[in-house]
Amino acid sequence: MTHHREPNRRLAAVIAEAGCTYEALAKAVRAIAAETGGSLRTSKAAVHQWVAAGAAPAGRTPAYIAEALSRKLNRTVTVAEIGLGHDPAEGAPSHGSMAHDPLATAADLGRLIMLRRRDLLALTFSTAAVDLPLTYDHGAASALLRSLTAGRRVGAHEVVTVRQFTEMFRATDERLGGGHGLVAVTSYLTDVVTPMLKGTFATADVRAAAFGAASELANLIGWKLHDTGREGAAQQVYLLAHQLACEADPAGHAAWAMRALAHQALDLGHTRGCVDLAEAALVRARGKTDRRTEALLLVTAARAHGATGNGPRAAELILAAEDALLAADDPVPAYAAAAGPPAATLASHTGRTLTAMNDHTAAERHYRTALRNRIPRTYHRMRATTLANIAKSVAAQHRAEEAVALWSKSLDLMDGLDSKRNRHDMHTMRSALAAYARRGIPGAADLARRASRVLTT
């Protein structure tokens, strides 16, 4: 806190509108800071000082307060509205809209990531931004992009090179985790791919393929940021990937980019807008993409409904997804192939849907199907996560010794991965193992100590 002013009546009014106590707001602010990798000790006394004495919170705290109140009110609250500054922070992108020029956005985001700017990397995940693709004006952006075309001629071989680069780093992620090579991949998008998109293309198909390849690369960067816990930055890059996908294929590929945004929100437990986004992606892609890709969009919608408590609709969508997967065996587009074997992806997200619905027996069955369909060594990180999910399902069914054995196999694969998501799984594992050790479950104490050693390296 810096200095005292008049009481902050703007903040007081929004807190009253949200109907939350100072203690509840303090807890929400601490949780949002933790999402960004930070640590705050905000207390209800601090909230009282912000309101009654007009004390100014330091650093990124005003943004955390605005996001906490946005989530409670189910609408966008800005730092300006609560009397704590101006929107947005200098150098950081705004959550309020998507710019008409995605190439300028790519350059700005790339610069901030490569410079490791905290105003981007510490950006909070915005629940209000989840549904931005639903109101995105693709027509205006497309007109602008076509007016920028100039310079050297771009051919199909250059697009192939971009896809080869993306696939190389995607495979590296499976071995080393999302934290590996983030700056290198971002530099390639900024210095090579973005200028390429301003070129003159040999044909309309080459142009669409180039924007599609750029979207896949941006999606990989978004995934890397998500995997390392930089959730606000990841969301901004996922939105960029959606804009680029719209220029490549406003049906299937754009729907797939919407899927990534929905999955990020669901992973974080923020369900606001996810049903609308996932259902809109389905409408956009239906009949305009292959059936196996449609199956993966269906299971995303199922997961959204399951997370919001609509079990009957989730079950209906799971059955539809399974039918769509079996309806054809044509190759899926490159953007969907990046998720791995469709059968494994469908089974994994079905398992997550059933976990959210507390059907742990059925979830286990689907997780095991996902594991069988993911080749060892090729899908190293995914197998680690799937084994952890099976272990949690087994533990929920009170099969403690089997859970210990599964967590041990998962830890074998997690060791050495630069992934905050995997570290979260290890913390969950260690907590359960500590309880098992107190009950004398064989192997639990030794595995808990091993997990602790891995977490500290």
Protein backbone atom coordinates (compact mmCIF):
# COMPACT_ATOMS: atom_id res chain seq x y z
CA MET A 1 0.00 0.00 0.00
CA THR A 2 1.20 3.45 -0.79
CA HIS A 3 -0.79 6.43 0.49
CA HIS A 4 -4.17 7.28 2.03
CA ARG A 5 -6.92 9.19 0.26
CA GLU A 6 -10.66 9.59 0.58
CA PRO A 7 -12.70 6.37 1.01
CA ASN A 8 -12.93 4.41 -2.25
CA ARG A 9 -16.68 4.57 -2.81
CA ARG A 10 -16.41 3.02 -6.27
CA LEU A 11 -14.80 -0.12 -4.88
CA ALA A 12 -17.28 -0.21 -2.00
CA ALA A 13 -20.21 -0.04 -4.42
CA VAL A 14 -18.99 -2.93 -6.56
CA ILE A 15 -18.22 -5.08 -3.50
CA ALA A 16 -21.75 -4.40 -2.26
CA GLU A 17 -23.15 -5.29 -5.69
CA ALA A 18 -21.24 -8.58 -5.58
CA GLY A 19 -22.63 -9.29 -2.12
CA CYS A 20 -19.32 -10.63 -0.82
CA THR A 21 -17.58 -10.07 2.49
CA TYR A 22 -14.15 -8.51 2.78
CA GLU A 23 -12.81 -11.90 3.86
CA ALA A 24 -14.30 -13.61 0.78
CA LEU A 25 -12.83 -10.97 -1.53
CA ALA A 26 -9.41 -11.29 0.12
CA LYS A 27 -9.50 -15.07 -0.40
CA ALA A 28 -10.48 -14.66 -4.07
CA VAL A 29 -7.65 -12.16 -4.65
CA ARG A 30 -5.11 -14.57 -3.11
CA ALA A 31 -6.39 -17.38 -5.34
CA ILE A 32 -6.10 -15.29 -8.52
CA ALA A 33 -2.57 -14.23 -7.60
CA ALA A 34 -1.69 -17.91 -7.15
CA GLU A 35 -3.05 -18.65 -10.66
CA THR A 36 -0.45 -16.27 -12.09
CA GLY A 37 2.37 -17.83 -10.08
CA GLY A 38 2.41 -15.07 -7.46
CA SER A 39 1.81 -15.14 -3.74
CA LEU A 40 -0.17 -12.58 -1.74
CA ARG A 41 -1.17 -12.41 1.91
CA THR A 42 -4.20 -10.23 1.32
CA SER A 43 -6.50 -10.17 4.35
CA LYS A 44 -9.91 -8.69 5.10
CA ALA A 45 -8.05 -5.91 6.95
CA ALA A 46 -6.31 -5.02 3.68
CA VAL A 47 -9.66 -4.87 1.87
CA HIS A 48 -10.97 -2.61 4.62
CA GLN A 49 -8.01 -0.27 4.06
CA TRP A 50 -8.65 -0.16 0.31
CA VAL A 51 -12.27 0.79 0.88
CA ALA A 52 -12.35 2.90 4.04
CA ALA A 53 -8.99 4.65 3.78
CA GLY A 54 -8.64 4.70 0.00
CA ALA A 55 -5.32 2.85 0.24
CA ALA A 56 -3.87 1.91 -3.16
CA PRO A 57 -2.94 -1.79 -3.57
CA ALA A 58 0.53 -2.35 -4.96
CA GLY A 59 1.68 -4.07 -8.14
CA ARG A 60 -0.82 -6.23 -10.03
CA THR A 61 -3.25 -6.43 -7.08
CA PRO A 62 -5.79 -3.98 -8.62
CA ALA A 63 -6.11 -6.31 -11.64
CA TYR A 64 -6.61 -9.28 -9.30
CA ILE A 65 -9.35 -7.40 -7.42
CA ALA A 66 -11.12 -6.51 -10.68
CA GLU A 67 -10.98 -10.11 -11.89
CA ALA A 68 -12.22 -11.46 -8.54
CA LEU A 69 -15.22 -9.12 -8.68
CA SER A 70 -15.81 -9.98 -12.37
CA ARG A 71 -16.09 -13.65 -11.45
CA LYS A 72 -18.48 -12.97 -8.57
CA LEU A 73 -20.72 -10.67 -10.63
CA ASN A 74 -20.55 -12.62 -13.89
CA ARG A 75 -19.71 -9.42 -15.80
CA THR A 76 -16.57 -7.47 -16.64
CA VAL A 77 -15.26 -5.25 -13.84
CA THR A 78 -12.32 -3.01 -14.73
CA VAL A 79 -9.75 -1.39 -12.45
CA ALA A 80 -11.06 1.99 -13.57
CA GLU A 81 -14.60 1.09 -12.45
CA ILE A 82 -13.38 0.31 -8.93
CA GLY A 83 -11.22 3.43 -8.70
CA LEU A 84 -7.86 1.66 -8.76
CA GLY A 85 -6.24 2.80 -12.00
CA HIS A 86 -6.62 2.86 -15.77
CA ASP A 87 -7.27 0.07 -18.27
CA PRO A 88 -5.29 -1.64 -19.55
CA ALA A 89 -1.81 -1.71 -17.97
CA GLU A 90 0.77 -0.13 -20.23
CA GLY A 91 2.25 -2.66 -22.63
CA ALA A 92 -0.26 -5.39 -21.77
CA PRO A 93 -3.12 -6.39 -24.04
CA SER A 94 -6.72 -5.70 -23.06
CA HIS A 95 -9.19 -8.42 -22.18
CA GLY A 96 -12.09 -6.33 -23.46
CA SER A 97 -11.89 -7.14 -27.17
CA MET A 98 -9.80 -8.67 -29.94
CA ALA A 99 -7.93 -6.20 -32.12
CA HIS A 100 -8.78 -6.03 -35.83
CA ASP A 101 -5.13 -6.61 -36.78
CA PRO A 102 -3.99 -10.04 -35.51
CA LEU A 103 -0.55 -9.56 -37.06
CA ALA A 104 0.05 -6.48 -34.90
CA THR A 105 -1.23 -8.47 -31.92
CA ALA A 106 1.17 -11.31 -32.75
CA ALA A 107 4.08 -8.87 -32.86
CA ASP A 108 3.10 -7.24 -29.56
CA LEU A 109 2.52 -10.51 -27.72
CA GLY A 110 5.71 -11.98 -29.13
CA ARG A 111 7.78 -9.02 -28.01
CA LEU A 112 6.34 -9.17 -24.48
CA ILE A 113 6.93 -12.92 -24.19
CA MET A 114 10.49 -12.74 -25.52
CA LEU A 115 11.31 -9.89 -23.14
CA ARG A 116 9.65 -11.89 -20.36
CA ARG A 117 7.56 -8.83 -19.52
CA ARG A 118 5.67 -9.35 -16.30
CA ASP A 119 2.78 -7.16 -17.44
CA LEU A 120 1.94 -10.00 -19.83
CA LEU A 121 3.27 -13.06 -18.02
CA ALA A 122 1.55 -12.06 -14.77
CA LEU A 123 -1.70 -11.22 -16.53
CA THR A 124 -4.73 -12.81 -14.89
CA PHE A 125 -7.04 -15.23 -16.67
CA SER A 126 -10.22 -13.35 -17.54
CA THR A 127 -13.56 -15.13 -17.24
CA ALA A 128 -15.08 -12.24 -19.19
CA ALA A 129 -12.82 -13.00 -22.17
CA VAL A 130 -13.90 -16.63 -22.57
CA ASP A 131 -16.75 -15.76 -24.92
CA LEU A 132 -14.95 -13.09 -26.98
CA PRO A 133 -14.92 -15.32 -30.11
CA LEU A 134 -18.72 -15.19 -30.11
CA THR A 135 -18.68 -11.46 -30.93
CA TYR A 136 -15.47 -11.31 -32.96
CA ASP A 137 -15.81 -9.36 -36.22
CA HIS A 138 -13.82 -11.56 -38.56
CA GLY A 139 -14.94 -9.64 -41.64
CA ALA A 140 -13.29 -6.39 -40.54
CA ALA A 141 -10.06 -8.17 -39.61
CA SER A 142 -10.00 -10.05 -42.92
CA ALA A 143 -10.43 -6.86 -44.93
CA LEU A 144 -7.54 -5.25 -43.07
CA LEU A 145 -5.27 -8.27 -43.50
CA ARG A 146 -5.87 -8.39 -47.23
CA SER A 147 -5.02 -4.70 -47.52
CA LEU A 148 -1.66 -5.37 -45.86
CA THR A 149 -0.56 -7.93 -48.45
CA ALA A 150 2.73 -6.89 -50.04
CA GLY A 151 6.27 -8.03 -50.47
CA ARG A 152 7.74 -11.38 -51.45
CA ARG A 153 5.84 -14.30 -52.93
CA VAL A 154 5.05 -17.11 -50.49
CA GLY A 155 4.74 -20.72 -51.68
CA ALA A 156 3.44 -23.98 -50.25
CA HIS A 157 6.92 -25.17 -49.26
CA GLU A 158 7.21 -22.36 -46.71
CA VAL A 159 3.95 -23.40 -45.09
CA VAL A 160 5.24 -26.97 -44.86
CA THR A 161 8.35 -25.67 -43.10
CA VAL A 162 6.25 -23.83 -40.50
CA ARG A 163 4.30 -27.01 -39.79
CA GLN A 164 7.50 -29.04 -39.48
CA PHE A 165 8.91 -26.53 -36.99
CA THR A 166 5.69 -26.59 -34.97
CA GLU A 167 5.58 -30.37 -34.91
CA MET A 168 9.21 -30.58 -33.80
CA PHE A 169 8.54 -28.38 -30.76
CA ARG A 170 5.24 -30.10 -30.05
CA ALA A 171 7.09 -33.41 -29.86
CA THR A 172 9.68 -31.78 -27.59
CA ASP A 173 6.88 -30.71 -25.26
CA GLU A 174 5.95 -34.35 -24.80
CA ARG A 175 9.48 -35.16 -23.64
CA LEU A 176 10.42 -32.01 -21.70
CA GLY A 177 7.20 -30.15 -20.85
CA GLY A 178 5.68 -26.89 -22.04
CA GLY A 179 8.29 -24.73 -20.32
CA HIS A 180 10.97 -25.87 -22.75
CA GLY A 181 11.65 -23.62 -25.76
CA LEU A 182 8.93 -21.00 -25.19
CA VAL A 183 11.09 -18.06 -26.28
CA ALA A 184 12.44 -19.93 -29.32
CA VAL A 185 8.96 -20.81 -30.58
CA THR A 186 7.67 -17.29 -29.93
CA SER A 187 10.64 -15.81 -31.80
CA TYR A 188 9.84 -17.98 -34.80
CA LEU A 189 6.23 -16.74 -34.82
CA THR A 190 7.29 -13.11 -34.49
CA ASP A 191 10.35 -13.01 -36.75
CA VAL A 192 9.49 -15.56 -39.44
CA VAL A 193 5.81 -16.46 -39.57
CA THR A 194 4.18 -13.08 -38.99
CA PRO A 195 6.17 -11.37 -41.80
CA MET A 196 5.33 -14.33 -44.07
CA LEU A 197 1.61 -13.65 -43.58
CA LYS A 198 2.11 -10.19 -45.10
CA GLY A 199 3.48 -11.68 -48.31
CA THR A 200 1.89 -12.31 -51.68
CA PHE A 201 0.57 -15.88 -51.88
CA ALA A 202 0.76 -18.17 -54.88
CA THR A 203 -2.91 -19.19 -54.52
CA ALA A 204 -5.85 -18.67 -52.17
CA ASP A 205 -5.31 -22.22 -50.85
CA VAL A 206 -1.70 -21.43 -49.96
CA ARG A 207 -2.82 -18.29 -48.15
CA ALA A 208 -5.40 -20.24 -46.12
CA ALA A 209 -2.81 -22.91 -45.32
CA ALA A 210 -0.31 -20.27 -44.18
CA PHE A 211 -2.78 -18.71 -41.76
CA GLY A 212 -3.74 -22.19 -40.58
CA ALA A 213 -0.12 -23.09 -39.89
CA ALA A 214 0.35 -19.79 -38.04
CA SER A 215 -2.72 -20.54 -35.91
CA GLU A 216 -1.34 -23.97 -35.03
CA LEU A 217 1.96 -22.37 -33.98
CA ALA A 218 0.15 -19.76 -31.88
CA ASN A 219 -1.93 -22.52 -30.31
CA LEU A 220 1.29 -24.30 -29.33
CA ILE A 221 2.60 -21.13 -27.69
CA GLY A 222 -0.72 -20.75 -25.87
CA TRP A 223 -0.43 -24.34 -24.68
CA LYS A 224 3.13 -23.76 -23.46
CA LEU A 225 2.01 -20.75 -21.44
CA HIS A 226 -0.95 -22.72 -20.06
CA ASP A 227 1.32 -25.64 -19.14
CA THR A 228 3.62 -23.29 -17.22
CA GLY A 229 0.79 -21.54 -15.37
CA ARG A 230 0.88 -18.23 -17.28
CA GLU A 231 -2.87 -18.33 -17.73
CA GLY A 232 -3.65 -14.72 -18.68
CA ALA A 233 -0.92 -14.72 -21.31
CA ALA A 234 -2.05 -18.14 -22.57
CA GLN A 235 -5.59 -16.85 -22.99
CA GLN A 236 -4.37 -13.88 -25.04
CA VAL A 237 -2.38 -16.15 -27.36
CA TYR A 238 -5.28 -18.60 -27.70
CA LEU A 239 -7.46 -15.65 -28.78
CA LEU A 240 -4.80 -14.75 -31.36
CA ALA A 241 -4.83 -18.37 -32.59
CA HIS A 242 -8.58 -18.07 -33.06
CA GLN A 243 -8.21 -14.91 -35.14
CA LEU A 244 -5.62 -16.56 -37.38
CA ALA A 245 -7.77 -19.70 -37.68
CA CYS A 246 -10.74 -17.60 -38.84
CA GLU A 247 -8.63 -16.38 -41.76
CA ALA A 248 -7.64 -19.97 -42.65
CA ASP A 249 -10.98 -21.72 -42.17
CA PRO A 250 -13.79 -19.87 -40.35
CA ALA A 251 -15.64 -23.16 -39.84
CA GLY A 252 -13.63 -26.17 -38.64
CA HIS A 253 -10.32 -24.57 -37.70
CA ALA A 254 -11.91 -21.57 -35.99
CA ALA A 255 -14.16 -23.96 -34.02
CA TRP A 256 -11.07 -25.91 -32.97
CA ALA A 257 -9.45 -22.72 -31.69
CA MET A 258 -12.61 -22.00 -29.66
CA ARG A 259 -12.22 -25.49 -28.20
CA ALA A 260 -8.76 -24.59 -26.85
CA LEU A 261 -10.17 -21.55 -25.06
CA ALA A 262 -12.96 -23.64 -23.54
CA HIS A 263 -10.56 -26.34 -22.35
CA GLN A 264 -8.29 -23.81 -20.66
CA ALA A 265 -11.21 -22.35 -18.74
CA LEU A 266 -12.46 -25.82 -17.77
CA ASP A 267 -8.98 -26.88 -16.64
CA LEU A 268 -8.95 -23.86 -14.32
CA GLY A 269 -12.46 -24.53 -13.01
CA HIS A 270 -13.93 -21.37 -14.56
CA THR A 271 -17.11 -22.57 -16.25
CA ARG A 272 -18.63 -19.19 -17.12
CA GLY A 273 -19.27 -18.98 -20.84
CA CYS A 274 -17.84 -22.44 -21.59
CA VAL A 275 -21.16 -24.02 -22.55
CA ASP A 276 -22.01 -21.19 -24.95
CA LEU A 277 -18.52 -21.27 -26.46
CA ALA A 278 -18.43 -25.06 -26.90
CA GLU A 279 -21.95 -25.21 -28.34
CA ALA A 280 -21.15 -22.35 -30.74
CA ALA A 281 -18.04 -24.21 -31.92
CA LEU A 282 -20.21 -27.23 -32.67
CA VAL A 283 -22.68 -25.18 -34.70
CA ARG A 284 -19.84 -23.54 -36.61
CA ALA A 285 -18.15 -26.81 -37.55
CA ARG A 286 -21.09 -29.18 -38.05
CA GLY A 287 -21.16 -30.47 -41.63
CA LYS A 288 -18.06 -28.46 -42.53
CA THR A 289 -15.36 -30.65 -41.03
CA ASP A 290 -14.68 -34.38 -40.76
CA ARG A 291 -16.65 -36.52 -38.32
CA ARG A 292 -13.70 -37.37 -36.06
CA THR A 293 -12.91 -33.70 -35.49
CA GLU A 294 -16.60 -33.15 -34.83
CA ALA A 295 -16.41 -35.94 -32.23
CA LEU A 296 -13.74 -34.02 -30.34
CA LEU A 297 -15.82 -30.85 -30.45
CA LEU A 298 -18.81 -32.83 -29.14
CA VAL A 299 -16.86 -34.14 -26.17
CA THR A 300 -15.67 -30.61 -25.37
CA ALA A 301 -19.31 -29.55 -25.18
CA ALA A 302 -20.00 -32.61 -23.01
CA ARG A 303 -17.21 -31.59 -20.65
CA ALA A 304 -18.61 -28.05 -20.41
CA HIS A 305 -22.08 -29.32 -19.56
CA GLY A 306 -20.70 -31.85 -17.08
CA ALA A 307 -18.73 -29.13 -15.30
CA THR A 308 -21.87 -27.00 -14.97
CA GLY A 309 -23.97 -29.86 -13.57
CA ASN A 310 -26.02 -30.72 -16.66
CA GLY A 311 -25.44 -34.47 -16.56
CA PRO A 312 -28.17 -35.52 -19.04
CA ARG A 313 -26.89 -33.17 -21.76
CA ALA A 314 -23.29 -34.25 -21.07
CA ALA A 315 -24.25 -37.93 -21.43
CA GLU A 316 -26.13 -37.20 -24.67
CA LEU A 317 -23.08 -35.42 -26.13
CA ILE A 318 -20.70 -38.21 -25.08
CA LEU A 319 -22.81 -40.77 -26.95
CA ALA A 320 -22.95 -38.47 -29.99
CA ALA A 321 -19.16 -38.06 -29.86
CA GLU A 322 -18.62 -41.82 -29.73
CA ASP A 323 -20.96 -42.30 -32.70
CA ALA A 324 -19.18 -39.59 -34.70
CA LEU A 325 -15.78 -41.13 -33.99
CA LEU A 326 -16.92 -44.50 -35.33
CA ALA A 327 -18.69 -43.01 -38.36
CA ALA A 328 -15.50 -42.50 -40.39
CA ASP A 329 -11.78 -43.10 -40.32
CA ASP A 330 -10.62 -40.34 -42.67
CA PRO A 331 -7.47 -38.43 -41.64
CA VAL A 332 -8.18 -35.47 -39.40
CA PRO A 333 -6.88 -31.97 -40.29
CA ALA A 334 -3.44 -30.99 -39.07
CA TYR A 335 -4.85 -28.74 -36.35
CA ALA A 336 -6.85 -31.62 -34.83
CA ALA A 337 -4.10 -34.19 -35.34
CA ALA A 338 -1.94 -32.13 -32.98
CA ALA A 339 -4.06 -33.39 -30.07
CA GLY A 340 -2.92 -36.95 -30.70
CA PRO A 341 -4.95 -40.05 -31.68
CA PRO A 342 -8.64 -39.01 -31.76
CA ALA A 343 -9.73 -42.14 -29.87
CA ALA A 344 -7.34 -41.31 -27.04
CA THR A 345 -8.34 -37.65 -26.92
CA LEU A 346 -12.04 -38.53 -26.89
CA ALA A 347 -11.55 -41.09 -24.11
CA SER A 348 -9.45 -38.70 -22.02
CA HIS A 349 -11.97 -35.86 -22.13
CA THR A 350 -14.84 -38.27 -21.56
CA GLY A 351 -12.98 -39.36 -18.43
CA ARG A 352 -12.65 -35.74 -17.30
CA THR A 353 -16.35 -35.16 -17.93
CA LEU A 354 -17.29 -38.21 -15.86
CA THR A 355 -14.85 -37.20 -13.11
CA ALA A 356 -16.62 -33.84 -12.82
CA MET A 357 -19.88 -35.79 -12.54
CA ASN A 358 -18.37 -38.01 -9.78
CA ASP A 359 -18.72 -41.20 -11.83
CA HIS A 360 -15.21 -42.43 -11.01
CA THR A 361 -15.76 -46.04 -12.15
CA ALA A 362 -16.75 -44.99 -15.67
CA ALA A 363 -14.04 -42.30 -15.70
CA GLU A 364 -11.39 -44.91 -14.90
CA ARG A 365 -12.53 -47.06 -17.81
CA HIS A 366 -12.21 -44.18 -20.27
CA TYR A 367 -8.84 -43.04 -18.89
CA ARG A 368 -7.51 -46.57 -19.39
CA THR A 369 -8.74 -46.49 -22.99
CA ALA A 370 -6.88 -43.20 -23.48
CA LEU A 371 -3.69 -44.74 -22.06
CA ARG A 372 -3.90 -47.74 -24.43
CA ASN A 373 -4.22 -45.42 -27.42
CA ARG A 374 -1.20 -43.26 -26.53
CA ILE A 375 2.05 -44.78 -27.66
CA PRO A 376 4.84 -44.93 -25.05
CA ARG A 377 7.71 -42.48 -25.65
CA THR A 378 5.76 -40.60 -28.34
CA TYR A 379 3.16 -39.39 -25.81
CA HIS A 380 5.38 -39.23 -22.75
CA ARG A 381 3.74 -36.25 -20.96
CA MET A 382 0.20 -37.24 -21.91
CA ARG A 383 0.74 -40.75 -20.51
CA ALA A 384 2.06 -39.23 -17.26
CA THR A 385 -1.09 -37.14 -16.92
CA THR A 386 -3.37 -40.03 -17.87
CA LEU A 387 -1.76 -42.34 -15.30
CA ALA A 388 -2.27 -39.65 -12.65
CA ASN A 389 -5.93 -39.37 -13.67
CA ILE A 390 -6.38 -43.15 -13.42
CA ALA A 391 -4.75 -43.09 -9.99
CA LYS A 392 -7.14 -40.37 -8.79
CA SER A 393 -10.13 -42.33 -10.10
CA VAL A 394 -8.90 -45.51 -8.41
CA ALA A 395 -8.24 -43.63 -5.16
CA ALA A 396 -11.80 -42.25 -5.26
CA GLN A 397 -12.97 -45.89 -5.36
CA HIS A 398 -10.92 -46.66 -2.20
CA ARG A 399 -8.38 -48.94 -3.93
CA ALA A 400 -5.40 -47.44 -2.14
CA GLU A 401 -2.60 -49.89 -2.96
CA GLU A 402 -3.48 -49.83 -6.67
CA ALA A 403 -3.50 -46.02 -6.61
CA VAL A 404 0.01 -46.00 -5.11
CA ALA A 405 1.29 -48.25 -7.90
CA LEU A 406 -0.29 -46.05 -10.58
CA TRP A 407 1.10 -42.85 -9.06
CA SER A 408 4.54 -44.46 -9.00
CA LYS A 409 4.34 -45.11 -12.77
CA SER A 410 3.10 -41.57 -13.33
CA LEU A 411 5.96 -40.09 -11.33
CA ASP A 412 8.47 -42.07 -13.41
CA LEU A 413 7.27 -40.11 -16.44
CA MET A 414 6.84 -36.73 -14.73
CA ASP A 415 10.41 -36.54 -13.45
CA GLY A 416 12.26 -33.95 -15.55
CA LEU A 417 9.19 -32.33 -17.15
CA ASP A 418 9.04 -28.52 -17.01
CA SER A 419 5.29 -28.36 -16.47
CA LYS A 420 3.30 -26.61 -13.77
CA ARG A 421 0.31 -28.82 -14.57
CA ASN A 422 2.37 -31.93 -13.84
CA ARG A 423 3.70 -30.33 -10.66
CA HIS A 424 0.11 -29.74 -9.59
CA ASP A 425 -0.54 -33.46 -10.15
CA MET A 426 2.49 -34.25 -7.99
CA HIS A 427 1.21 -32.04 -5.17
CA THR A 428 -2.16 -33.85 -5.36
CA MET A 429 -0.34 -37.17 -5.34
CA ARG A 430 1.83 -36.24 -2.37
CA SER A 431 -1.18 -35.08 -0.34
CA ALA A 432 -3.03 -38.36 -0.93
CA LEU A 433 0.10 -40.40 -0.22
CA ALA A 434 0.63 -38.64 3.10
CA ALA A 435 -2.85 -39.76 4.18
CA TYR A 436 -2.13 -43.29 2.93
CA ALA A 437 1.17 -43.37 4.83
CA ARG A 438 -0.64 -42.54 8.07
CA ARG A 439 -2.88 -45.55 7.40
CA GLY A 440 0.13 -47.78 6.75
CA ILE A 441 -0.57 -48.39 3.04
CA PRO A 442 2.53 -50.19 1.64
CA GLY A 443 4.83 -48.00 -0.46
CA ALA A 444 2.96 -44.76 0.23
CA ALA A 445 5.56 -43.15 2.51
CA ASP A 446 8.47 -43.96 0.19
CA LEU A 447 6.62 -42.63 -2.86
CA ALA A 448 5.63 -39.43 -0.99
CA ARG A 449 9.31 -38.81 -0.16
CA ARG A 450 10.27 -39.46 -3.78
CA ALA A 451 7.60 -37.02 -5.01
CA SER A 452 8.95 -34.40 -2.61
CA ARG A 453 12.46 -34.82 -4.02
CA VAL A 454 11.19 -34.44 -7.59
CA LEU A 455 9.26 -31.28 -6.65
CA THR A 456 12.34 -29.66 -5.13
CA THR A 457 14.63 -30.31 -8.12
